PDB file of N, CA and C in Angstrom:
ATOM      1  N   ALA A   1     426.540 -38.681   5.099  1.00  0.00           N
ATOM      2  CA  ALA A   1     427.708 -39.339   4.544  1.00  0.00           C
ATOM      3  C   ALA A   1     428.808 -38.274   4.293  1.00  0.00           C
ATOM      4  N   SER A   2     430.011 -38.713   4.496  1.00  0.00           N
ATOM      5  CA  SER A   2     431.121 -37.787   4.225  1.00  0.00           C
ATOM      6  C   SER A   2     432.166 -38.471   3.383  1.00  0.00           C
ATOM      7  N   GLY A   3     433.152 -37.725   3.002  1.00  0.00           N
ATOM      8  CA  GLY A   3     434.154 -38.296   2.128  1.00  0.00           C
ATOM      9  C   GLY A   3     434.058 -37.775   0.721  1.00  0.00           C
ATOM     10  N   SER A   4     434.893 -38.300  -0.128  1.00  0.00           N
ATOM     11  CA  SER A   4     434.928 -37.859  -1.565  1.00  0.00           C
ATOM     12  C   SER A   4     433.879 -38.600  -2.334  1.00  0.00           C
ATOM     13  N   ARG A   5     433.202 -37.891  -3.132  1.00  0.00           N
ATOM     14  CA  ARG A   5     432.192 -38.506  -4.037  1.00  0.00           C
ATOM     15  C   ARG A   5     432.863 -39.477  -5.044  1.00  0.00           C
ATOM     16  N   LEU A   6     434.148 -39.342  -5.265  1.00  0.00           N
ATOM     17  CA  LEU A   6     434.879 -40.203  -6.173  1.00  0.00           C
ATOM     18  C   LEU A   6     435.165 -41.532  -5.527  1.00  0.00           C
ATOM     19  N   GLU A   7     434.980 -41.626  -4.193  1.00  0.00           N
ATOM     20  CA  GLU A   7     435.219 -42.896  -3.436  1.00  0.00           C
ATOM     21  C   GLU A   7     433.980 -43.695  -3.279  1.00  0.00           C
ATOM     22  N   LEU A   8     432.834 -43.328  -3.909  1.00  0.00           N
ATOM     23  CA  LEU A   8     431.641 -44.090  -3.786  1.00  0.00           C
ATOM     24  C   LEU A   8     431.760 -45.461  -4.382  1.00  0.00           C
ATOM     25  N   SER A   9     430.922 -46.413  -3.960  1.00  0.00           N
ATOM     26  CA  SER A   9     431.005 -47.770  -4.494  1.00  0.00           C
ATOM     27  C   SER A   9     429.755 -48.047  -5.281  1.00  0.00           C
ATOM     28  N   PRO A  10     429.874 -48.881  -6.314  1.00  0.00           N
ATOM     29  CA  PRO A  10     428.710 -49.233  -7.108  1.00  0.00           C
ATOM     30  C   PRO A  10     427.681 -50.041  -6.282  1.00  0.00           C
ATOM     31  N   THR A  11     426.453 -49.962  -6.668  1.00  0.00           N
ATOM     32  CA  THR A  11     425.416 -50.721  -5.958  1.00  0.00           C
ATOM     33  C   THR A  11     425.247 -52.116  -6.641  1.00  0.00           C
ATOM     34  N   VAL A  12     424.325 -52.900  -6.089  1.00  0.00           N
ATOM     35  CA  VAL A  12     423.995 -54.176  -6.697  1.00  0.00           C
ATOM     36  C   VAL A  12     423.412 -53.958  -8.104  1.00  0.00           C
ATOM     37  N   ALA A  13     422.669 -52.843  -8.250  1.00  0.00           N
ATOM     38  CA  ALA A  13     422.085 -52.514  -9.616  1.00  0.00           C
ATOM     39  C   ALA A  13     423.148 -52.241 -10.626  1.00  0.00           C
ATOM     40  N   HIS A  14     424.180 -51.462 -10.263  1.00  0.00           N
ATOM     41  CA  HIS A  14     425.311 -51.196 -11.213  1.00  0.00           C
ATOM     42  C   HIS A  14     425.988 -52.513 -11.566  1.00  0.00           C
ATOM     43  N   HIS A  15     426.268 -53.381 -10.593  1.00  0.00           N
ATOM     44  CA  HIS A  15     426.903 -54.698 -10.918  1.00  0.00           C
ATOM     45  C   HIS A  15     425.996 -55.566 -11.772  1.00  0.00           C
ATOM     46  N   GLY A  16     424.696 -55.481 -11.478  1.00  0.00           N
ATOM     47  CA  GLY A  16     423.755 -56.245 -12.257  1.00  0.00           C
ATOM     48  C   GLY A  16     423.736 -55.826 -13.753  1.00  0.00           C
ATOM     49  N   LEU A  17     423.771 -54.558 -14.001  1.00  0.00           N
ATOM     50  CA  LEU A  17     423.791 -54.061 -15.397  1.00  0.00           C
ATOM     51  C   LEU A  17     425.081 -54.377 -16.016  1.00  0.00           C
ATOM     52  N   ALA A  18     426.217 -54.338 -15.317  1.00  0.00           N
ATOM     53  CA  ALA A  18     427.484 -54.714 -15.894  1.00  0.00           C
ATOM     54  C   ALA A  18     427.497 -56.230 -16.207  1.00  0.00           C
ATOM     55  N   SER A  19     426.884 -57.046 -15.371  1.00  0.00           N
ATOM     56  CA  SER A  19     426.779 -58.391 -15.615  1.00  0.00           C
ATOM     57  C   SER A  19     425.900 -58.694 -16.878  1.00  0.00           C
ATOM     58  N   LEU A  20     424.853 -58.012 -17.005  1.00  0.00           N
ATOM     59  CA  LEU A  20     424.005 -58.194 -18.183  1.00  0.00           C
ATOM     60  C   LEU A  20     424.740 -57.824 -19.437  1.00  0.00           C
ATOM     61  N   GLU A  21     425.570 -56.768 -19.390  1.00  0.00           N
ATOM     62  CA  GLU A  21     426.328 -56.318 -20.524  1.00  0.00           C
ATOM     63  C   GLU A  21     427.370 -57.450 -20.923  1.00  0.00           C
ATOM     64  N   SER A  22     427.985 -57.982 -19.902  1.00  0.00           N
ATOM     65  CA  SER A  22     428.994 -59.036 -20.150  1.00  0.00           C
ATOM     66  C   SER A  22     428.431 -60.280 -20.816  1.00  0.00           C
ATOM     67  N   ARG A  23     427.135 -60.447 -20.670  1.00  0.00           N
ATOM     68  CA  ARG A  23     426.410 -61.583 -21.298  1.00  0.00           C
ATOM     69  C   ARG A  23     425.800 -61.182 -22.612  1.00  0.00           C
ATOM     70  N   GLY A  24     426.051 -59.943 -23.070  1.00  0.00           N
ATOM     71  CA  GLY A  24     425.546 -59.490 -24.347  1.00  0.00           C
ATOM     72  C   GLY A  24     424.068 -59.113 -24.342  1.00  0.00           C
ATOM     73  N   LEU A  25     423.527 -58.827 -23.169  1.00  0.00           N
ATOM     74  CA  LEU A  25     422.082 -58.538 -22.989  1.00  0.00           C
ATOM     75  C   LEU A  25     421.832 -57.010 -23.009  1.00  0.00           C
ATOM     76  N   ILE A  26     422.881 -56.193 -22.846  1.00  0.00           N
ATOM     77  CA  ILE A  26     422.777 -54.755 -22.872  1.00  0.00           C
ATOM     78  C   ILE A  26     423.842 -54.308 -23.862  1.00  0.00           C
ATOM     79  N   ALA A  27     423.417 -53.494 -24.832  1.00  0.00           N
ATOM     80  CA  ALA A  27     424.358 -52.960 -25.792  1.00  0.00           C
ATOM     81  C   ALA A  27     425.071 -51.703 -25.353  1.00  0.00           C
ATOM     82  N   ASN A  28     424.305 -50.777 -24.719  1.00  0.00           N
ATOM     83  CA  ASN A  28     424.782 -49.483 -24.303  1.00  0.00           C
ATOM     84  C   ASN A  28     424.029 -49.037 -23.062  1.00  0.00           C
ATOM     85  N   TRP A  29     424.624 -48.037 -22.429  1.00  0.00           N
ATOM     86  CA  TRP A  29     424.073 -47.479 -21.194  1.00  0.00           C
ATOM     87  C   TRP A  29     424.172 -45.947 -21.312  1.00  0.00           C
ATOM     88  N   VAL A  30     423.053 -45.258 -21.210  1.00  0.00           N
ATOM     89  CA  VAL A  30     423.083 -43.779 -21.098  1.00  0.00           C
ATOM     90  C   VAL A  30     423.068 -43.382 -19.651  1.00  0.00           C
ATOM     91  N   GLN A  31     424.098 -42.776 -19.188  1.00  0.00           N
ATOM     92  CA  GLN A  31     424.306 -42.464 -17.804  1.00  0.00           C
ATOM     93  C   GLN A  31     424.167 -40.943 -17.624  1.00  0.00           C
ATOM     94  N   GLN A  32     423.159 -40.576 -16.789  1.00  0.00           N
ATOM     95  CA  GLN A  32     422.927 -39.141 -16.559  1.00  0.00           C
ATOM     96  C   GLN A  32     423.576 -38.696 -15.197  1.00  0.00           C
ATOM     97  N   ASN A  33     424.071 -39.666 -14.398  1.00  0.00           N
ATOM     98  CA  ASN A  33     424.768 -39.353 -13.211  1.00  0.00           C
ATOM     99  C   ASN A  33     426.191 -39.045 -13.555  1.00  0.00           C
ATOM    100  N   HIS A  34     426.898 -38.472 -12.580  1.00  0.00           N
ATOM    101  CA  HIS A  34     428.284 -38.079 -12.793  1.00  0.00           C
ATOM    102  C   HIS A  34     429.292 -38.953 -12.016  1.00  0.00           C
ATOM    103  N   ASP A  35     428.800 -39.970 -11.438  1.00  0.00           N
ATOM    104  CA  ASP A  35     429.551 -40.688 -10.402  1.00  0.00           C
ATOM    105  C   ASP A  35     430.524 -41.783 -10.813  1.00  0.00           C
ATOM    106  N   ARG A  36     430.512 -42.175 -12.057  1.00  0.00           N
ATOM    107  CA  ARG A  36     431.424 -43.159 -12.621  1.00  0.00           C
ATOM    108  C   ARG A  36     431.291 -44.498 -11.986  1.00  0.00           C
ATOM    109  N   LEU A  37     430.141 -44.768 -11.369  1.00  0.00           N
ATOM    110  CA  LEU A  37     429.896 -46.088 -10.718  1.00  0.00           C
ATOM    111  C   LEU A  37     429.702 -47.226 -11.694  1.00  0.00           C
ATOM    112  N   ALA A  38     429.203 -46.899 -12.888  1.00  0.00           N
ATOM    113  CA  ALA A  38     429.017 -47.912 -13.939  1.00  0.00           C
ATOM    114  C   ALA A  38     430.395 -48.534 -14.292  1.00  0.00           C
ATOM    115  N   GLN A  39     431.427 -47.667 -14.461  1.00  0.00           N
ATOM    116  CA  GLN A  39     432.748 -48.186 -14.781  1.00  0.00           C
ATOM    117  C   GLN A  39     433.313 -48.954 -13.633  1.00  0.00           C
ATOM    118  N   LYS A  40     433.127 -48.479 -12.380  1.00  0.00           N
ATOM    119  CA  LYS A  40     433.620 -49.203 -11.209  1.00  0.00           C
ATOM    120  C   LYS A  40     432.967 -50.562 -11.096  1.00  0.00           C
ATOM    121  N   ALA A  41     431.776 -50.758 -11.616  1.00  0.00           N
ATOM    122  CA  ALA A  41     431.128 -52.041 -11.568  1.00  0.00           C
ATOM    123  C   ALA A  41     431.548 -52.919 -12.752  1.00  0.00           C
ATOM    124  N   GLY A  42     432.329 -52.398 -13.701  1.00  0.00           N
ATOM    125  CA  GLY A  42     432.824 -53.193 -14.773  1.00  0.00           C
ATOM    126  C   GLY A  42     432.156 -52.961 -16.109  1.00  0.00           C
ATOM    127  N   PHE A  43     431.255 -51.961 -16.210  1.00  0.00           N
ATOM    128  CA  PHE A  43     430.631 -51.648 -17.462  1.00  0.00           C
ATOM    129  C   PHE A  43     431.709 -50.968 -18.333  1.00  0.00           C
ATOM    130  N   PRO A  44     431.800 -51.470 -19.625  1.00  0.00           N
ATOM    131  CA  PRO A  44     432.855 -50.867 -20.528  1.00  0.00           C
ATOM    132  C   PRO A  44     432.587 -49.411 -20.864  1.00  0.00           C
ATOM    133  N   GLN A  45     433.644 -48.615 -20.724  1.00  0.00           N
ATOM    134  CA  GLN A  45     433.513 -47.157 -21.020  1.00  0.00           C
ATOM    135  C   GLN A  45     433.049 -46.945 -22.455  1.00  0.00           C
ATOM    136  N   ASN A  46     433.487 -47.751 -23.427  1.00  0.00           N
ATOM    137  CA  ASN A  46     433.152 -47.515 -24.777  1.00  0.00           C
ATOM    138  C   ASN A  46     431.665 -47.815 -25.090  1.00  0.00           C
ATOM    139  N   LYS A  47     430.969 -48.399 -24.174  1.00  0.00           N
ATOM    140  CA  LYS A  47     429.526 -48.645 -24.333  1.00  0.00           C
ATOM    141  C   LYS A  47     428.684 -47.738 -23.424  1.00  0.00           C
ATOM    142  N   LEU A  48     429.324 -46.774 -22.800  1.00  0.00           N
ATOM    143  CA  LEU A  48     428.668 -45.905 -21.816  1.00  0.00           C
ATOM    144  C   LEU A  48     428.662 -44.446 -22.365  1.00  0.00           C
ATOM    145  N   ASN A  49     427.436 -43.874 -22.400  1.00  0.00           N
ATOM    146  CA  ASN A  49     427.280 -42.473 -22.880  1.00  0.00           C
ATOM    147  C   ASN A  49     427.001 -41.635 -21.613  1.00  0.00           C
ATOM    148  N   GLU A  50     427.976 -40.901 -21.174  1.00  0.00           N
ATOM    149  CA  GLU A  50     427.816 -40.071 -19.977  1.00  0.00           C
ATOM    150  C   GLU A  50     427.454 -38.651 -20.505  1.00  0.00           C
ATOM    151  N   ILE A  51     426.185 -38.573 -20.879  1.00  0.00           N
ATOM    152  CA  ILE A  51     425.649 -37.461 -21.587  1.00  0.00           C
ATOM    153  C   ILE A  51     425.813 -36.072 -20.875  1.00  0.00           C
ATOM    154  N   HIS A  52     425.818 -36.134 -19.533  1.00  0.00           N
ATOM    155  CA  HIS A  52     425.940 -34.936 -18.721  1.00  0.00           C
ATOM    156  C   HIS A  52     427.319 -34.790 -18.114  1.00  0.00           C
ATOM    157  N   GLY A  53     428.315 -35.552 -18.614  1.00  0.00           N
ATOM    158  CA  GLY A  53     429.649 -35.404 -18.107  1.00  0.00           C
ATOM    159  C   GLY A  53     429.900 -36.371 -16.939  1.00  0.00           C
ATOM    160  N   ALA A  54     431.148 -36.308 -16.442  1.00  0.00           N
ATOM    161  CA  ALA A  54     431.513 -37.211 -15.358  1.00  0.00           C
ATOM    162  C   ALA A  54     432.531 -36.541 -14.439  1.00  0.00           C
ATOM    163  N   TRP A  55     432.441 -36.764 -13.163  1.00  0.00           N
ATOM    164  CA  TRP A  55     433.407 -36.286 -12.186  1.00  0.00           C
ATOM    165  C   TRP A  55     434.738 -36.903 -12.489  1.00  0.00           C
ATOM    166  N   GLY A  56     435.813 -36.178 -12.459  1.00  0.00           N
ATOM    167  CA  GLY A  56     437.160 -36.719 -12.642  1.00  0.00           C
ATOM    168  C   GLY A  56     437.509 -37.040 -14.027  1.00  0.00           C
ATOM    169  N   ASP A  57     436.707 -36.682 -15.029  1.00  0.00           N
ATOM    170  CA  ASP A  57     437.075 -36.960 -16.417  1.00  0.00           C
ATOM    171  C   ASP A  57     437.246 -35.635 -17.132  1.00  0.00           C
ATOM    172  N   MET A  58     438.457 -35.187 -17.312  1.00  0.00           N
ATOM    173  CA  MET A  58     438.687 -33.929 -17.974  1.00  0.00           C
ATOM    174  C   MET A  58     438.291 -33.864 -19.381  1.00  0.00           C
ATOM    175  N   LYS A  59     438.164 -35.036 -20.047  1.00  0.00           N
ATOM    176  CA  LYS A  59     437.705 -35.053 -21.432  1.00  0.00           C
ATOM    177  C   LYS A  59     436.208 -34.946 -21.562  1.00  0.00           C
ATOM    178  N   ASN A  60     435.501 -35.155 -20.420  1.00  0.00           N
ATOM    179  CA  ASN A  60     434.039 -35.078 -20.462  1.00  0.00           C
ATOM    180  C   ASN A  60     433.585 -34.414 -19.138  1.00  0.00           C
ATOM    181  N   PRO A  61     433.849 -33.096 -18.978  1.00  0.00           N
ATOM    182  CA  PRO A  61     433.490 -32.454 -17.748  1.00  0.00           C
ATOM    183  C   PRO A  61     432.003 -32.399 -17.508  1.00  0.00           C
ATOM    184  N   VAL A  62     431.618 -32.317 -16.254  1.00  0.00           N
ATOM    185  CA  VAL A  62     430.149 -32.224 -15.895  1.00  0.00           C
ATOM    186  C   VAL A  62     429.602 -30.975 -16.455  1.00  0.00           C
ATOM    187  N   LYS A  63     428.402 -31.097 -17.039  1.00  0.00           N
ATOM    188  CA  LYS A  63     427.666 -30.002 -17.593  1.00  0.00           C
ATOM    189  C   LYS A  63     426.692 -29.443 -16.595  1.00  0.00           C
ATOM    190  N   MET A  64     426.585 -28.107 -16.588  1.00  0.00           N
ATOM    191  CA  MET A  64     425.556 -27.407 -15.810  1.00  0.00           C
ATOM    192  C   MET A  64     424.217 -27.479 -16.551  1.00  0.00           C
ATOM    193  N   MET A  65     423.149 -27.214 -15.879  1.00  0.00           N
ATOM    194  CA  MET A  65     421.822 -27.312 -16.487  1.00  0.00           C
ATOM    195  C   MET A  65     421.651 -26.495 -17.730  1.00  0.00           C
ATOM    196  N   ASP A  66     422.347 -25.368 -17.863  1.00  0.00           N
ATOM    197  CA  ASP A  66     422.208 -24.462 -18.967  1.00  0.00           C
ATOM    198  C   ASP A  66     423.317 -24.639 -20.010  1.00  0.00           C
ATOM    199  N   ASP A  67     424.235 -25.613 -19.792  1.00  0.00           N
ATOM    200  CA  ASP A  67     425.301 -25.888 -20.786  1.00  0.00           C
ATOM    201  C   ASP A  67     424.795 -26.613 -21.991  1.00  0.00           C
ATOM    202  N   THR A  68     425.561 -26.555 -23.038  1.00  0.00           N
ATOM    203  CA  THR A  68     425.302 -27.340 -24.170  1.00  0.00           C
ATOM    204  C   THR A  68     425.964 -28.703 -24.042  1.00  0.00           C
ATOM    205  N   LEU A  69     425.217 -29.716 -24.399  1.00  0.00           N
ATOM    206  CA  LEU A  69     425.744 -31.066 -24.306  1.00  0.00           C
ATOM    207  C   LEU A  69     426.768 -31.300 -25.400  1.00  0.00           C
ATOM    208  N   ARG A  70     427.665 -32.238 -25.220  1.00  0.00           N
ATOM    209  CA  ARG A  70     428.706 -32.588 -26.255  1.00  0.00           C
ATOM    210  C   ARG A  70     427.971 -33.131 -27.471  1.00  0.00           C
ATOM    211  N   SER A  71     428.254 -32.567 -28.613  1.00  0.00           N
ATOM    212  CA  SER A  71     427.604 -32.959 -29.844  1.00  0.00           C
ATOM    213  C   SER A  71     427.888 -34.413 -30.224  1.00  0.00           C
ATOM    214  N   ASP A  72     429.067 -34.945 -29.923  1.00  0.00           N
ATOM    215  CA  ASP A  72     429.377 -36.317 -30.246  1.00  0.00           C
ATOM    216  C   ASP A  72     428.578 -37.265 -29.437  1.00  0.00           C
ATOM    217  N   LEU A  73     428.282 -36.922 -28.165  1.00  0.00           N
ATOM    218  CA  LEU A  73     427.459 -37.784 -27.353  1.00  0.00           C
ATOM    219  C   LEU A  73     426.011 -37.745 -27.785  1.00  0.00           C
ATOM    220  N   VAL A  74     425.534 -36.585 -28.149  1.00  0.00           N
ATOM    221  CA  VAL A  74     424.194 -36.424 -28.652  1.00  0.00           C
ATOM    222  C   VAL A  74     423.985 -37.176 -29.914  1.00  0.00           C
ATOM    223  N   ASP A  75     424.986 -37.117 -30.862  1.00  0.00           N
ATOM    224  CA  ASP A  75     424.954 -37.852 -32.112  1.00  0.00           C
ATOM    225  C   ASP A  75     424.941 -39.348 -31.809  1.00  0.00           C
ATOM    226  N   TRP A  76     425.734 -39.825 -30.839  1.00  0.00           N
ATOM    227  CA  TRP A  76     425.819 -41.200 -30.470  1.00  0.00           C
ATOM    228  C   TRP A  76     424.445 -41.711 -29.988  1.00  0.00           C
ATOM    229  N   LEU A  77     423.848 -40.909 -29.118  1.00  0.00           N
ATOM    230  CA  LEU A  77     422.510 -41.229 -28.553  1.00  0.00           C
ATOM    231  C   LEU A  77     421.512 -41.308 -29.705  1.00  0.00           C
ATOM    232  N   GLN A  78     421.553 -40.373 -30.681  1.00  0.00           N
ATOM    233  CA  GLN A  78     420.599 -40.408 -31.808  1.00  0.00           C
ATOM    234  C   GLN A  78     420.813 -41.678 -32.631  1.00  0.00           C
ATOM    235  N   ALA A  79     422.070 -42.019 -32.819  1.00  0.00           N
ATOM    236  CA  ALA A  79     422.352 -43.229 -33.643  1.00  0.00           C
ATOM    237  C   ALA A  79     421.805 -44.493 -32.951  1.00  0.00           C
ATOM    238  N   TRP A  80     421.885 -44.517 -31.627  1.00  0.00           N
ATOM    239  CA  TRP A  80     421.329 -45.715 -30.897  1.00  0.00           C
ATOM    240  C   TRP A  80     419.855 -45.782 -31.105  1.00  0.00           C
ATOM    241  N   THR A  81     419.167 -44.621 -31.143  1.00  0.00           N
ATOM    242  CA  THR A  81     417.695 -44.659 -31.236  1.00  0.00           C
ATOM    243  C   THR A  81     417.277 -45.114 -32.600  1.00  0.00           C
ATOM    244  N   GLU A  82     418.147 -44.953 -33.640  1.00  0.00           N
ATOM    245  CA  GLU A  82     417.811 -45.301 -35.007  1.00  0.00           C
ATOM    246  C   GLU A  82     418.150 -46.760 -35.355  1.00  0.00           C
ATOM    247  N   ARG A  83     418.664 -47.541 -34.412  1.00  0.00           N
ATOM    248  CA  ARG A  83     418.991 -48.941 -34.622  1.00  0.00           C
ATOM    249  C   ARG A  83     417.795 -49.777 -34.445  1.00  0.00           C
TER     250      ARG A  83
END
């Protein structure tokens, strides 16, 4: 495959998860990929934890394997586990 990784399209699975969220069946999504396909499928950004960063998002740059994760996203993840 060639072209920009930012031009990728969401899969049926991405759309399915976005549909489940719109019906109130998914509260949050922890995304470890950098591809932003969840948002393209319609999953709300405010319910998405892109723990390893995202391509094209200067506020949440992609983290390398030895980088420190954003503390606010780690805290958010911890809060979800305590619900």
